[in-house]
Amino acid sequence: MELRKDFLWGGATAANQFEGAYLEDGKGLSIADVELGARHGVQREIHESVRPATFYPSHEAIDFYHRYKEDIALFAEMGFKAFRMSIAWSRIYPCGDEDYPNEAGLAFYDAVFDECLKYGIEPVVTLSHYETPLALVHDYGSWRSRRLVDFFVRFAETCFSHYKGKVKTWMTFNEINATMIAKRPWHQAGIVYHAGENQAKTLIQASHHMLVASALAVIKGHEIDPENKIGCMLLYPEIYAATCAPEDQVAKRAKMDNVFYYGDVHVRGYYSNLCTSVQERLGEFPEMEPGDEEILLKGKCDYIGFSYYFSAIEGKNLEVTEGNVLIGGKNPYLKTTDWGWVIDPIGMRNSLNDLYDRYQVPLMIVENGLGAYDKVESDGSINDDYRIDYLKQHIDAMIDAVKIDHVDLRGYMPWGCIDLVSAGTGEMRKRYGFIYVDKDDEGKGSLKRSRKKSFFWYKKVIASNGSDTSV
């Protein structure tokens, strides 16, 4: 079994990490606009509003808003078949609850999609990628409130209708299961817990609202255009038991509950026995409105998009390592990145099999990549062989999952195909891209784009449909 001829090779980004123009053309503030990442060892900060004389890296980011034609031309030069991006909700509805959309915001994405389609690049669009409008947090308590279901569905319907014929592949919420992992589910749900708040109750109820909103969006998207394919997006860390002790196997399974809790509802259309077990363990159950169960069943997702960066181990008395939201045990058999993330290409194959075995729906890898320090040589070259090595190993493992295991995989879009601001740390020096952007952690630089060595390597991989990953 080979990769499909229409396999979607490309790259992935998010509006709040690379667009910039954070208040231009009527855009409202999002939750990303008032956050400072934990860069240089400084504790992460979330502000009530934008503070004067404070540098927020995401406000300009890499200025894709004004440079999108140049960037998309570079993606086309690499041979991209798809470009994963997000629509900033507050660019379309500045406060999130308006009756009518911001026409300038709609026009911007029209221009971006037209530019992609000019080169034969299919937009793969996430509706909510860590950028809930800030006004919805202040006025409604964010996803604590059922009102956000209606606001999100209005936003989704606007996007489905306006971009009909330009976009046909969508995802609702980015890494929705990180809501359950995070101590402060700010990125995913716009929530910082209040003193004395019943956190478990808030978590379960906010999650239910998001799942209902996603299902309603799927229903509406299919009504507007039956050709639409609308998926969910899960953060997927492969978890291994630390030992063959039965207790470690149980711990491993429990660690994956956060993934399957959301995956089961998105794809199966109901709260499974696993979901009930999680709710019982937390001592809280979602309050449902009449018709919610029917909505969840009717609004099942068409496919699963997921992020895979690392694996972790679960057991007792483990050395802890970092990861994308999740923190887990360090595997003594594996190396780590400069930021302490475990490198596990075979875990990519395992993840694909785990998800396909459980759900039997098409899959897309919509985030994968290596955050690393890149050095610009005196001749202007960036020799990122470490990135090529990382991606080669993961792509080879991905192809094994298709060829040997017969997993139905539709696309591969590594994260940060162009350098952008890290969501977790607010850094530019943590670079993922095939394209280098001249900007540092203090916001200085020309924003000039340069092709890294990996740019030319990935171009060859795409041209061969994955059959040539040689270095």
Protein backbone atom coordinates (compact mmCIF):
# COMPACT_ATOMS: atom_id res chain seq x y z
CA MET A 1 0.00 0.00 0.00
CA GLU A 2 1.48 3.34 -1.09
CA LEU A 3 0.68 6.90 -0.08
CA ARG A 4 -2.35 8.23 -1.92
CA LYS A 5 -1.64 10.15 -5.12
CA ASP A 6 -3.66 13.02 -3.65
CA PHE A 7 -1.75 12.89 -0.34
CA LEU A 8 -1.72 16.33 1.28
CA TRP A 9 1.90 17.29 1.85
CA GLY A 10 2.26 20.72 3.39
CA GLY A 11 2.85 22.61 6.60
CA ALA A 12 0.97 24.04 9.57
CA THR A 13 0.61 27.39 11.35
CA ALA A 14 -1.82 29.30 13.60
CA ALA A 15 -3.05 32.85 13.13
CA ASN A 16 -2.02 34.07 16.58
CA GLN A 17 1.55 32.84 16.13
CA PHE A 18 2.41 34.25 12.72
CA GLU A 19 -0.22 36.67 11.35
CA GLY A 20 0.56 39.79 13.38
CA ALA A 21 -1.59 42.89 12.71
CA TYR A 22 -3.29 42.11 16.00
CA LEU A 23 -5.67 45.12 15.88
CA GLU A 24 -5.62 45.93 12.17
CA ASP A 25 -8.72 46.28 10.00
CA GLY A 26 -11.17 45.95 12.87
CA LYS A 27 -9.76 42.86 14.54
CA GLY A 28 -10.62 42.49 18.22
CA LEU A 29 -8.40 41.17 20.99
CA SER A 30 -8.08 37.43 21.46
CA ILE A 31 -6.83 35.49 24.45
CA ALA A 32 -3.47 35.12 22.67
CA ASP A 33 -3.04 38.90 22.52
CA VAL A 34 -2.79 39.28 26.31
CA GLU A 35 -0.43 36.40 27.05
CA LEU A 36 3.31 36.37 27.57
CA GLY A 37 4.95 32.97 27.21
CA ALA A 38 7.41 31.56 29.72
CA ARG A 39 10.47 32.68 27.77
CA HIS A 40 13.96 32.96 29.20
CA GLY A 41 12.83 31.33 32.42
CA VAL A 42 10.24 34.03 33.17
CA GLN A 43 6.93 32.65 34.41
CA ARG A 44 4.08 32.68 31.92
CA GLU A 45 1.72 35.65 32.34
CA ILE A 46 -1.92 36.12 31.36
CA HIS A 47 -3.18 39.70 31.53
CA GLU A 48 -6.69 41.11 31.73
CA SER A 49 -5.93 43.44 28.82
CA VAL A 50 -2.98 44.64 26.77
CA ARG A 51 -0.55 46.43 29.08
CA PRO A 52 1.06 49.65 27.85
CA ALA A 53 4.79 49.56 27.06
CA THR A 54 4.78 45.75 27.18
CA PHE A 55 6.25 43.69 24.35
CA TYR A 56 3.92 40.94 23.19
CA PRO A 57 5.73 38.83 20.57
CA SER A 58 2.51 37.73 18.87
CA HIS A 59 1.32 41.27 18.11
CA GLU A 60 3.53 41.52 15.06
CA ALA A 61 4.74 37.90 14.97
CA ILE A 62 6.24 37.42 11.49
CA ASP A 63 3.72 39.73 9.81
CA PHE A 64 2.11 37.17 7.53
CA TYR A 65 -0.81 39.60 7.35
CA HIS A 66 1.19 41.88 5.04
CA ARG A 67 3.57 39.27 3.58
CA TYR A 68 1.22 36.39 2.79
CA LYS A 69 1.88 36.50 -0.96
CA GLU A 70 5.63 36.10 -0.45
CA ASP A 71 5.14 33.29 2.06
CA ILE A 72 2.61 31.35 0.01
CA ALA A 73 4.89 31.63 -3.02
CA LEU A 74 7.63 29.98 -0.95
CA PHE A 75 5.24 27.22 0.11
CA ALA A 76 4.39 26.68 -3.55
CA GLU A 77 8.09 26.53 -4.42
CA MET A 78 8.42 23.67 -1.94
CA GLY A 79 5.54 21.95 -3.68
CA PHE A 80 2.94 22.20 -0.93
CA LYS A 81 -0.33 20.46 -1.69
CA ALA A 82 -1.96 21.83 1.48
CA PHE A 83 -1.48 24.62 3.98
CA ARG A 84 -2.93 24.28 7.46
CA MET A 85 -3.82 27.64 9.01
CA SER A 86 -6.45 29.06 11.32
CA ILE A 87 -8.99 31.84 11.02
CA ALA A 88 -8.71 34.28 13.90
CA TRP A 89 -12.21 34.33 15.37
CA SER A 90 -11.78 37.93 16.59
CA ARG A 91 -10.80 39.04 13.08
CA ILE A 92 -14.25 37.94 11.88
CA TYR A 93 -16.25 38.76 15.03
CA PRO A 94 -14.10 41.21 17.05
CA CYS A 95 -15.92 40.61 20.34
CA GLY A 96 -17.22 37.18 19.40
CA ASP A 97 -20.90 37.97 19.97
CA GLU A 98 -21.73 40.49 17.22
CA ASP A 99 -24.69 39.93 14.93
CA TYR A 100 -22.67 40.65 11.78
CA PRO A 101 -19.11 39.83 10.78
CA ASN A 102 -16.25 42.20 10.14
CA GLU A 103 -16.06 42.45 6.35
CA ALA A 104 -12.38 43.44 6.36
CA GLY A 105 -11.55 40.26 8.25
CA LEU A 106 -13.48 38.14 5.77
CA ALA A 107 -11.72 39.89 2.89
CA PHE A 108 -8.26 39.12 4.31
CA TYR A 109 -8.86 35.38 4.35
CA ASP A 110 -10.47 35.58 0.91
CA ALA A 111 -7.18 36.98 -0.35
CA VAL A 112 -5.14 34.31 1.46
CA PHE A 113 -7.28 31.44 0.14
CA ASP A 114 -7.23 32.86 -3.38
CA GLU A 115 -3.45 33.04 -3.24
CA CYS A 116 -3.23 29.43 -2.05
CA LEU A 117 -5.59 28.19 -4.74
CA LYS A 118 -3.63 30.07 -7.41
CA TYR A 119 -0.78 27.66 -6.72
CA GLY A 120 -2.96 24.58 -6.27
CA ILE A 121 -2.52 24.59 -2.49
CA GLU A 122 -5.54 23.36 -0.55
CA PRO A 123 -6.32 25.37 2.62
CA VAL A 124 -6.84 23.16 5.67
CA VAL A 125 -8.50 25.49 8.14
CA THR A 126 -8.87 25.34 11.92
CA LEU A 127 -11.73 27.43 13.28
CA SER A 128 -10.45 27.84 16.84
CA HIS A 129 -6.70 27.57 17.41
CA TYR A 130 -6.01 29.06 20.84
CA GLU A 131 -7.60 32.42 19.97
CA THR A 132 -11.01 32.78 21.62
CA PRO A 133 -12.11 36.46 21.53
CA LEU A 134 -11.08 38.09 24.80
CA ALA A 135 -14.46 39.82 25.20
CA LEU A 136 -16.11 36.41 25.53
CA VAL A 137 -13.86 35.71 28.51
CA HIS A 138 -14.68 38.99 30.22
CA ASP A 139 -18.39 39.09 29.43
CA TYR A 140 -19.39 35.42 29.64
CA GLY A 141 -16.63 33.54 31.45
CA SER A 142 -15.61 31.93 28.15
CA TRP A 143 -16.59 28.27 27.66
CA ARG A 144 -18.08 28.07 31.14
CA SER A 145 -21.11 29.64 29.47
CA ARG A 146 -23.51 27.85 27.12
CA ARG A 147 -23.84 31.12 25.23
CA LEU A 148 -20.51 30.45 23.55
CA VAL A 149 -22.01 27.49 21.73
CA ASP A 150 -24.26 29.84 19.75
CA PHE A 151 -21.46 32.36 19.17
CA PHE A 152 -19.08 29.69 17.88
CA VAL A 153 -21.70 28.16 15.58
CA ARG A 154 -22.46 31.61 14.15
CA PHE A 155 -18.74 32.11 13.48
CA ALA A 156 -18.44 28.64 11.91
CA GLU A 157 -21.53 29.13 9.75
CA THR A 158 -20.17 32.46 8.52
CA CYS A 159 -16.90 30.82 7.53
CA PHE A 160 -18.52 27.80 5.88
CA SER A 161 -20.86 30.03 3.86
CA HIS A 162 -18.43 32.76 2.92
CA TYR A 163 -15.58 30.45 1.90
CA LYS A 164 -17.70 27.81 0.19
CA GLY A 165 -15.85 26.66 -2.89
CA LYS A 166 -12.50 27.83 -1.52
CA VAL A 167 -12.15 25.70 1.61
CA LYS A 168 -13.46 22.17 1.98
CA THR A 169 -11.24 20.73 4.73
CA TRP A 170 -11.85 22.07 8.23
CA MET A 171 -11.12 21.34 11.90
CA THR A 172 -13.14 22.72 14.77
CA PHE A 173 -10.95 23.06 17.90
CA ASN A 174 -7.18 22.72 17.99
CA GLU A 175 -5.87 20.16 20.52
CA ILE A 176 -9.19 20.20 22.37
CA ASN A 177 -8.05 17.44 24.74
CA ALA A 178 -5.35 19.71 26.15
CA THR A 179 -8.25 21.30 28.06
CA MET A 180 -8.15 18.30 30.38
CA ILE A 181 -4.35 18.22 30.64
CA ALA A 182 -3.72 21.88 31.40
CA LYS A 183 -3.85 23.23 34.94
CA ARG A 184 -4.97 26.51 33.40
CA PRO A 185 -6.88 25.66 30.21
CA TRP A 186 -6.32 29.14 28.82
CA HIS A 187 -5.17 28.26 25.31
CA GLN A 188 -7.93 25.77 24.69
CA ALA A 189 -10.89 27.27 26.54
CA GLY A 190 -9.99 30.79 27.68
CA ILE A 191 -10.21 29.71 31.31
CA VAL A 192 -8.11 30.59 34.35
CA TYR A 193 -9.71 29.05 37.42
CA HIS A 194 -10.97 31.41 40.10
CA ALA A 195 -10.09 31.00 43.77
CA GLY A 196 -12.39 28.41 45.28
CA GLU A 197 -13.83 27.35 41.92
CA ASN A 198 -14.84 23.72 41.46
CA GLN A 199 -12.28 23.07 38.76
CA ALA A 200 -13.54 19.59 37.87
CA LYS A 201 -17.08 20.90 37.34
CA THR A 202 -15.84 23.76 35.17
CA LEU A 203 -13.63 21.42 33.16
CA ILE A 204 -16.39 18.92 32.43
CA GLN A 205 -19.00 21.57 31.62
CA ALA A 206 -16.74 23.75 29.45
CA SER A 207 -15.65 20.63 27.58
CA HIS A 208 -19.27 19.65 26.99
CA HIS A 209 -20.04 23.09 25.59
CA MET A 210 -17.08 22.84 23.20
CA LEU A 211 -18.07 19.33 22.09
CA VAL A 212 -21.66 20.41 21.42
CA ALA A 213 -20.40 23.48 19.55
CA SER A 214 -18.14 21.29 17.43
CA ALA A 215 -20.98 18.89 16.62
CA LEU A 216 -23.33 21.71 15.66
CA ALA A 217 -20.62 23.20 13.45
CA VAL A 218 -20.14 19.84 11.71
CA ILE A 219 -23.89 19.59 11.10
CA LYS A 220 -24.06 23.13 9.75
CA GLY A 221 -20.95 22.68 7.62
CA HIS A 222 -22.38 19.58 5.96
CA GLU A 223 -25.67 21.37 5.31
CA ILE A 224 -23.94 24.32 3.67
CA ASP A 225 -21.65 22.18 1.53
CA PRO A 226 -21.95 18.38 1.49
CA GLU A 227 -18.39 18.29 0.10
CA ASN A 228 -16.99 19.69 3.34
CA LYS A 229 -14.80 17.37 5.39
CA ILE A 230 -14.79 18.54 9.00
CA GLY A 231 -12.48 16.96 11.53
CA CYS A 232 -11.49 17.21 15.14
CA MET A 233 -7.92 17.89 16.24
CA LEU A 234 -6.27 16.02 19.11
CA LEU A 235 -2.95 16.38 20.86
CA TYR A 236 -1.57 12.85 20.76
CA PRO A 237 1.38 11.89 22.93
CA GLU A 238 2.31 8.23 22.68
CA ILE A 239 2.50 6.84 26.24
CA TYR A 240 4.46 3.75 27.27
CA ALA A 241 4.29 1.92 30.57
CA ALA A 242 7.56 2.43 32.45
CA THR A 243 7.79 -1.27 33.31
CA CYS A 244 5.87 -4.48 32.70
CA ALA A 245 4.29 -4.14 36.15
CA PRO A 246 0.50 -4.35 35.73
CA GLU A 247 0.09 -1.14 37.74
CA ASP A 248 2.16 0.74 35.16
CA GLN A 249 -0.07 -0.57 32.38
CA VAL A 250 -3.10 0.83 34.21
CA ALA A 251 -1.30 4.16 34.70
CA LYS A 252 -0.47 4.29 31.00
CA ARG A 253 -4.09 3.73 30.05
CA ALA A 254 -5.29 6.41 32.47
CA LYS A 255 -2.80 8.88 30.99
CA MET A 256 -4.47 8.47 27.60
CA ASP A 257 -7.95 9.13 28.96
CA ASN A 258 -7.69 12.81 28.07
CA VAL A 259 -7.21 11.92 24.39
CA PHE A 260 -9.97 9.36 24.10
CA TYR A 261 -12.48 11.33 26.21
CA TYR A 262 -12.71 13.93 23.45
CA GLY A 263 -11.97 11.57 20.57
CA ASP A 264 -14.81 9.24 21.55
CA VAL A 265 -17.39 12.03 21.60
CA HIS A 266 -16.10 13.64 18.39
CA VAL A 267 -15.95 10.44 16.35
CA ARG A 268 -18.33 7.98 18.01
CA GLY A 269 -20.88 10.65 18.82
CA TYR A 270 -21.51 9.87 22.47
CA TYR A 271 -19.91 9.75 25.92
CA SER A 272 -18.39 6.27 25.98
CA ASN A 273 -17.73 4.06 28.99
CA LEU A 274 -14.26 5.62 29.18
CA CYS A 275 -15.83 9.08 29.36
CA THR A 276 -18.16 7.98 32.13
CA SER A 277 -15.20 6.55 34.03
CA VAL A 278 -13.35 9.87 33.78
CA GLN A 279 -16.43 11.77 34.95
CA GLU A 280 -16.88 9.43 37.91
CA ARG A 281 -13.23 9.81 38.85
CA LEU A 282 -13.59 13.60 38.80
CA GLY A 283 -16.94 13.44 40.59
CA GLU A 284 -18.65 15.66 38.01
CA PHE A 285 -20.99 15.09 35.07
CA PRO A 286 -21.98 17.49 32.28
CA GLU A 287 -25.29 19.28 32.51
CA MET A 288 -27.02 18.60 29.20
CA GLU A 289 -29.80 20.45 27.49
CA PRO A 290 -32.58 18.51 25.74
CA GLY A 291 -31.32 17.33 22.36
CA ASP A 292 -27.61 17.38 23.21
CA GLU A 293 -27.21 13.63 22.82
CA GLU A 294 -28.82 13.77 19.37
CA ILE A 295 -26.57 16.69 18.38
CA LEU A 296 -23.40 14.83 19.39
CA LEU A 297 -24.48 11.74 17.45
CA LYS A 298 -25.44 13.67 14.32
CA GLY A 299 -22.39 15.92 14.40
CA LYS A 300 -19.69 13.26 14.29
CA CYS A 301 -16.39 14.36 12.75
CA ASP A 302 -15.32 13.07 9.34
CA TYR A 303 -11.67 12.54 10.21
CA ILE A 304 -9.09 13.03 12.95
CA GLY A 305 -6.30 15.55 12.67
CA PHE A 306 -3.67 15.24 15.36
CA SER A 307 -0.36 16.57 16.57
CA TYR A 308 2.52 14.27 17.33
CA TYR A 309 5.84 15.51 18.68
CA PHE A 310 7.01 13.13 21.38
CA SER A 311 6.27 10.19 23.63
CA ALA A 312 6.48 9.77 27.39
CA ILE A 313 6.44 6.96 29.92
CA GLU A 314 4.12 6.48 32.86
CA GLY A 315 4.89 4.81 36.16
CA LYS A 316 6.32 5.59 39.58
CA ASN A 317 9.37 7.68 40.58
CA LEU A 318 10.23 8.80 37.05
CA GLU A 319 12.53 11.53 35.83
CA VAL A 320 10.24 14.17 34.36
CA THR A 321 10.70 15.73 30.93
CA GLU A 322 8.92 18.53 29.09
CA GLY A 323 6.50 18.30 26.20
CA ASN A 324 3.77 20.07 24.26
CA VAL A 325 1.40 20.90 27.17
CA LEU A 326 1.88 17.40 28.57
CA ILE A 327 4.70 16.62 31.00
CA GLY A 328 5.66 12.97 31.34
CA GLY A 329 8.35 10.54 32.29
CA LYS A 330 11.63 10.61 30.39
CA ASN A 331 12.43 7.52 28.34
CA PRO A 332 16.05 6.38 28.93
CA TYR A 333 16.16 4.81 25.46
CA LEU A 334 15.47 8.05 23.60
CA LYS A 335 17.18 11.39 22.98
CA THR A 336 15.58 14.78 23.64
CA THR A 337 15.44 18.12 21.83
CA ASP A 338 17.04 21.36 23.06
CA TRP A 339 13.77 22.00 24.88
CA GLY A 340 13.64 18.59 26.53
CA TRP A 341 11.05 16.99 24.24
CA VAL A 342 11.61 13.26 23.69
CA ILE A 343 12.36 12.27 20.07
CA ASP A 344 10.49 9.07 19.16
CA PRO A 345 9.82 8.45 15.44
CA ILE A 346 8.48 4.94 16.03
CA GLY A 347 5.96 6.54 18.38
CA MET A 348 4.53 8.24 15.29
CA ARG A 349 3.76 4.86 13.76
CA ASN A 350 2.36 3.61 17.07
CA SER A 351 0.13 6.69 17.35
CA LEU A 352 -1.26 6.23 13.85
CA ASN A 353 -2.10 2.62 14.63
CA ASP A 354 -3.62 3.46 18.02
CA LEU A 355 -5.96 6.06 16.54
CA TYR A 356 -6.91 4.10 13.43
CA ASP A 357 -7.51 0.89 15.36
CA ARG A 358 -9.83 2.69 17.77
CA TYR A 359 -11.78 4.92 15.38
CA GLN A 360 -11.50 3.58 11.80
CA VAL A 361 -11.77 7.03 10.24
CA PRO A 362 -9.21 8.80 8.02
CA LEU A 363 -6.29 10.48 9.79
CA MET A 364 -4.15 13.52 9.10
CA ILE A 365 -0.95 14.50 10.88
CA VAL A 366 -1.39 18.25 11.17
CA GLU A 367 1.49 19.01 13.54
CA ASN A 368 4.91 17.40 13.90
CA GLY A 369 8.33 18.97 14.02
CA LEU A 370 11.53 19.92 15.78
CA GLY A 371 11.97 23.14 17.72
CA ALA A 372 15.68 23.99 17.58
CA TYR A 373 18.27 26.76 17.55
CA ASP A 374 19.19 27.69 13.99
CA LYS A 375 22.47 29.41 13.08
CA VAL A 376 22.79 31.68 10.07
CA GLU A 377 26.22 31.13 8.53
CA SER A 378 28.38 33.94 7.14
CA ASP A 379 27.18 33.10 3.62
CA GLY A 380 23.53 33.27 4.73
CA SER A 381 22.91 29.52 4.70
CA ILE A 382 21.11 27.67 7.51
CA ASN A 383 22.31 24.07 7.68
CA ASP A 384 19.59 22.46 9.79
CA ASP A 385 20.61 18.84 9.29
CA TYR A 386 19.18 18.02 12.74
CA ARG A 387 15.72 19.03 11.52
CA ILE A 388 16.07 16.98 8.35
CA ASP A 389 17.13 13.97 10.42
CA TYR A 390 14.13 14.38 12.76
CA LEU A 391 11.61 14.78 9.95
CA LYS A 392 13.10 11.99 7.83
CA GLN A 393 12.76 9.50 10.67
CA HIS A 394 9.18 10.54 11.38
CA ILE A 395 8.12 10.51 7.73
CA ASP A 396 9.67 7.07 7.25
CA ALA A 397 7.75 5.80 10.30
CA MET A 398 4.57 7.42 8.99
CA ILE A 399 5.00 5.69 5.62
CA ASP A 400 5.50 2.35 7.39
CA ALA A 401 2.14 2.85 9.09
CA VAL A 402 0.54 3.25 5.66
CA LYS A 403 2.46 0.63 3.67
CA ILE A 404 2.75 -2.09 6.30
CA ASP A 405 -0.13 -1.41 8.70
CA HIS A 406 -2.65 -0.11 6.13
CA VAL A 407 -3.57 2.98 8.11
CA ASP A 408 -5.78 5.41 6.15
CA LEU A 409 -3.62 8.53 6.26
CA ARG A 410 -4.57 11.55 4.14
CA GLY A 411 -1.93 14.18 4.86
CA TYR A 412 1.21 15.34 6.64
CA MET A 413 1.60 18.98 7.66
CA PRO A 414 4.59 19.58 9.97
CA TRP A 415 4.34 22.41 12.44
CA GLY A 416 5.76 25.85 11.82
CA CYS A 417 6.66 25.39 8.17
CA ILE A 418 7.87 28.98 8.46
CA ASP A 419 9.43 30.27 11.68
CA LEU A 420 6.83 31.71 14.03
CA VAL A 421 6.29 32.64 17.67
CA SER A 422 6.19 29.70 20.09
CA ALA A 423 2.77 29.40 21.75
CA GLY A 424 4.23 28.10 25.00
CA THR A 425 7.29 30.29 25.42
CA GLY A 426 6.75 33.33 23.20
CA GLU A 427 10.16 32.76 21.64
CA MET A 428 11.38 33.17 18.09
CA ARG A 429 14.63 31.34 18.79
CA LYS A 430 12.69 28.06 19.13
CA ARG A 431 12.45 27.56 15.40
CA TYR A 432 10.54 24.89 13.48
CA GLY A 433 10.39 26.22 9.95
CA PHE A 434 11.78 25.31 6.57
CA ILE A 435 11.89 29.08 6.08
CA TYR A 436 13.98 31.28 8.39
CA VAL A 437 12.52 34.63 9.46
CA ASP A 438 14.95 37.31 10.58
CA LYS A 439 13.46 38.24 13.93
CA ASP A 440 14.69 37.69 17.48
CA ASP A 441 13.06 37.25 20.87
CA GLU A 442 13.06 41.01 21.47
CA GLY A 443 11.17 41.74 18.27
CA LYS A 444 14.20 42.99 16.36
CA GLY A 445 15.02 42.01 12.80
CA SER A 446 14.25 42.70 9.17
CA LEU A 447 11.62 39.92 8.83
CA LYS A 448 13.51 38.78 5.73
CA ARG A 449 12.67 35.23 4.68
CA SER A 450 15.46 32.73 3.88
CA ARG A 451 15.36 29.12 2.72
CA LYS A 452 16.97 26.63 5.11
CA LYS A 453 18.65 23.42 3.95
CA SER A 454 15.51 21.56 5.05
CA PHE A 455 13.51 23.63 2.54
CA PHE A 456 15.21 21.90 -0.39
CA TRP A 457 15.09 18.49 1.27
CA TYR A 458 11.34 18.70 1.95
CA LYS A 459 10.77 19.88 -1.63
CA LYS A 460 12.37 16.63 -2.83
CA VAL A 461 10.29 14.54 -0.41
CA ILE A 462 7.06 16.10 -1.68
CA ALA A 463 8.05 15.74 -5.33
CA SER A 464 8.62 12.01 -4.77
CA ASN A 465 5.40 11.59 -2.73
CA GLY A 466 7.55 10.36 0.13
CA SER A 467 9.46 7.72 -1.80
CA ASP A 468 12.74 9.65 -1.52
CA THR A 469 13.58 10.85 1.97
CA SER A 470 17.32 10.45 1.51
CA VAL A 471 19.60 13.17 2.82
